[in-house]
């Protein structure tokens, strides 16, 4: 992914780095970006605190996550209801807890 990002943004002001936030390789980041990964992780409070500590004073975190509708259903596929209309199951949409994509 990093090679593709480098290829698509060949600008001297843009750089990409894969780094361990426990031991960042640069003093501070202007931008931290993640897509889509956070919804698979636990301990987000600690992660966000480490990202915040690694950001420059005006730095930003930009992230996206999968919509919960895609990770909530226990059976992730179209099905038909009694009227034979295709439906997407959402029975676990409001359930709190770990999400996973099957």
C-alpha atoms as a PDB file:
ATOM      1  CA  UNK A   1       0.000   0.000   0.000  1.00  0.00           C
ATOM      2  CA  UNK A   2       2.809   2.413   0.796  1.00  0.00           C
ATOM      3  CA  UNK A   3       4.427   1.824  -2.595  1.00  0.00           C
ATOM      4  CA  UNK A   4       1.135   2.648  -4.307  1.00  0.00           C
ATOM      5  CA  UNK A   5       0.688   5.769  -2.161  1.00  0.00           C
ATOM      6  CA  UNK A   6       4.201   6.937  -3.081  1.00  0.00           C
ATOM      7  CA  UNK A   7       3.469   6.326  -6.763  1.00  0.00           C
ATOM      8  CA  UNK A   8       0.178   8.241  -6.662  1.00  0.00           C
ATOM      9  CA  UNK A   9       1.526  11.287  -4.801  1.00  0.00           C
ATOM     10  CA  UNK A  10       5.020  12.005  -6.092  1.00  0.00           C
ATOM     11  CA  UNK A  11       5.391  15.342  -4.324  1.00  0.00           C
ATOM     12  CA  UNK A  12       8.411  16.340  -2.220  1.00  0.00           C
ATOM     13  CA  UNK A  13       6.186  17.684   0.579  1.00  0.00           C
ATOM     14  CA  UNK A  14       4.415  14.324   0.985  1.00  0.00           C
ATOM     15  CA  UNK A  15       5.989  11.330   2.668  1.00  0.00           C
ATOM     16  CA  UNK A  16       4.631   8.048   3.998  1.00  0.00           C
ATOM     17  CA  UNK A  17       5.940   6.080   6.939  1.00  0.00           C
ATOM     18  CA  UNK A  18       4.977   2.791   8.504  1.00  0.00           C
ATOM     19  CA  UNK A  19       5.938   3.083  12.151  1.00  0.00           C
ATOM     20  CA  UNK A  20       5.343   1.679  15.607  1.00  0.00           C
ATOM     21  CA  UNK A  21       3.558   4.369  17.623  1.00  0.00           C
ATOM     22  CA  UNK A  22       5.346   3.153  20.750  1.00  0.00           C
ATOM     23  CA  UNK A  23       8.625   4.193  19.098  1.00  0.00           C
ATOM     24  CA  UNK A  24       7.847   6.726  16.341  1.00  0.00           C
ATOM     25  CA  UNK A  25      10.691   7.345  13.911  1.00  0.00           C
ATOM     26  CA  UNK A  26       9.934  11.044  13.513  1.00  0.00           C
ATOM     27  CA  UNK A  27       9.497  13.823  16.037  1.00  0.00           C
ATOM     28  CA  UNK A  28       5.878  14.637  15.136  1.00  0.00           C
ATOM     29  CA  UNK A  29       3.359  13.950  12.395  1.00  0.00           C
ATOM     30  CA  UNK A  30       1.326  16.569  10.549  1.00  0.00           C
ATOM     31  CA  UNK A  31      -1.211  13.946   9.513  1.00  0.00           C
ATOM     32  CA  UNK A  32      -1.981  10.417  10.672  1.00  0.00           C
ATOM     33  CA  UNK A  33      -4.288   8.412   8.393  1.00  0.00           C
ATOM     34  CA  UNK A  34      -6.015   5.068   8.844  1.00  0.00           C
ATOM     35  CA  UNK A  35      -8.624   3.418   6.637  1.00  0.00           C
ATOM     36  CA  UNK A  36     -10.401   1.077   7.523  1.00  0.00           C
ATOM     37  CA  UNK A  37      -8.688  -0.518  10.516  1.00  0.00           C
ATOM     38  CA  UNK A  38      -9.805   0.977  13.830  1.00  0.00           C
ATOM     39  CA  UNK A  39     -13.045  -1.014  13.994  1.00  0.00           C
ATOM     40  CA  UNK A  40     -10.992  -4.238  14.214  1.00  0.00           C
ATOM     41  CA  UNK A  41      -8.974  -3.047  17.232  1.00  0.00           C
ATOM     42  CA  UNK A  42      -9.495  -3.038  20.971  1.00  0.00           C
ATOM     43  CA  UNK A  43      -8.038  -0.472  23.337  1.00  0.00           C
ATOM     44  CA  UNK A  44      -8.834   2.488  21.104  1.00  0.00           C
ATOM     45  CA  UNK A  45      -8.496   5.005  23.930  1.00  0.00           C
ATOM     46  CA  UNK A  46      -4.826   4.079  24.345  1.00  0.00           C
ATOM     47  CA  UNK A  47      -4.255   4.097  20.581  1.00  0.00           C
ATOM     48  CA  UNK A  48      -5.842   7.526  20.176  1.00  0.00           C
ATOM     49  CA  UNK A  49      -3.756   8.871  23.061  1.00  0.00           C
ATOM     50  CA  UNK A  50      -0.561   7.585  21.387  1.00  0.00           C
ATOM     51  CA  UNK A  51      -1.577   9.042  18.018  1.00  0.00           C
ATOM     52  CA  UNK A  52      -2.387  12.365  19.676  1.00  0.00           C
ATOM     53  CA  UNK A  53       1.012  12.394  21.404  1.00  0.00           C
ATOM     54  CA  UNK A  54       2.741  11.747  18.064  1.00  0.00           C
ATOM     55  CA  UNK A  55       0.935  14.572  16.221  1.00  0.00           C
ATOM     56  CA  UNK A  56       2.423  18.015  15.670  1.00  0.00           C
ATOM     57  CA  UNK A  57       0.550  20.863  17.466  1.00  0.00           C
ATOM     58  CA  UNK A  58      -1.737  21.447  14.463  1.00  0.00           C
ATOM     59  CA  UNK A  59      -1.624  17.793  13.357  1.00  0.00           C
ATOM     60  CA  UNK A  60      -4.730  15.834  12.461  1.00  0.00           C
ATOM     61  CA  UNK A  61      -5.929  12.248  12.504  1.00  0.00           C
ATOM     62  CA  UNK A  62      -8.039  11.300   9.491  1.00  0.00           C
ATOM     63  CA  UNK A  63      -9.702   7.908   9.592  1.00  0.00           C
ATOM     64  CA  UNK A  64     -12.595   5.945   8.218  1.00  0.00           C
ATOM     65  CA  UNK A  65     -14.250   2.762   9.415  1.00  0.00           C
ATOM     66  CA  UNK A  66     -16.648   0.321   7.858  1.00  0.00           C
ATOM     67  CA  UNK A  67     -20.277   1.155   8.487  1.00  0.00           C
ATOM     68  CA  UNK A  68     -21.574  -0.972  11.386  1.00  0.00           C
ATOM     69  CA  UNK A  69     -24.234  -2.385   9.068  1.00  0.00           C
ATOM     70  CA  UNK A  70     -21.475  -4.303   7.293  1.00  0.00           C
ATOM     71  CA  UNK A  71     -19.991  -5.806  10.458  1.00  0.00           C
ATOM     72  CA  UNK A  72     -23.085  -6.294  12.673  1.00  0.00           C
ATOM     73  CA  UNK A  73     -25.000  -9.086  10.899  1.00  0.00           C
ATOM     74  CA  UNK A  74     -24.161 -12.577  12.056  1.00  0.00           C
ATOM     75  CA  UNK A  75     -25.057 -13.867   8.591  1.00  0.00           C
ATOM     76  CA  UNK A  76     -23.570 -11.382   6.135  1.00  0.00           C
ATOM     77  CA  UNK A  77     -25.406 -11.962   2.903  1.00  0.00           C
ATOM     78  CA  UNK A  78     -28.621 -11.044   1.178  1.00  0.00           C
ATOM     79  CA  UNK A  79     -31.608 -13.192   2.117  1.00  0.00           C
ATOM     80  CA  UNK A  80     -35.302 -13.215   1.290  1.00  0.00           C
ATOM     81  CA  UNK A  81     -38.057 -12.446   3.740  1.00  0.00           C
ATOM     82  CA  UNK A  82     -41.603 -13.878   3.657  1.00  0.00           C
ATOM     83  CA  UNK A  83     -42.484 -11.576   0.757  1.00  0.00           C
ATOM     84  CA  UNK A  84     -39.521 -12.930  -1.249  1.00  0.00           C
ATOM     85  CA  UNK A  85     -37.944  -9.464  -1.303  1.00  0.00           C
ATOM     86  CA  UNK A  86     -34.180  -9.408  -0.821  1.00  0.00           C
ATOM     87  CA  UNK A  87     -33.179  -8.124   2.607  1.00  0.00           C
ATOM     88  CA  UNK A  88     -29.908  -7.528   4.441  1.00  0.00           C
ATOM     89  CA  UNK A  89     -30.075  -8.889   8.018  1.00  0.00           C
ATOM     90  CA  UNK A  90     -29.512  -6.323  10.756  1.00  0.00           C
ATOM     91  CA  UNK A  91     -30.490  -8.203  13.892  1.00  0.00           C
ATOM     92  CA  UNK A  92     -27.245  -7.403  15.754  1.00  0.00           C
ATOM     93  CA  UNK A  93     -26.897  -3.787  14.616  1.00  0.00           C
ATOM     94  CA  UNK A  94     -27.490  -2.307  18.079  1.00  0.00           C
ATOM     95  CA  UNK A  95     -25.496  -4.980  19.948  1.00  0.00           C
ATOM     96  CA  UNK A  96     -22.333  -3.589  21.515  1.00  0.00           C
ATOM     97  CA  UNK A  97     -19.109  -5.560  21.355  1.00  0.00           C
ATOM     98  CA  UNK A  98     -16.460  -6.731  18.921  1.00  0.00           C
ATOM     99  CA  UNK A  99     -17.185  -6.458  15.226  1.00  0.00           C
ATOM    100  CA  UNK A 100     -15.813  -8.687  12.541  1.00  0.00           C
ATOM    101  CA  UNK A 101     -16.335  -9.156   8.875  1.00  0.00           C
ATOM    102  CA  UNK A 102     -16.877 -12.781   7.941  1.00  0.00           C
END
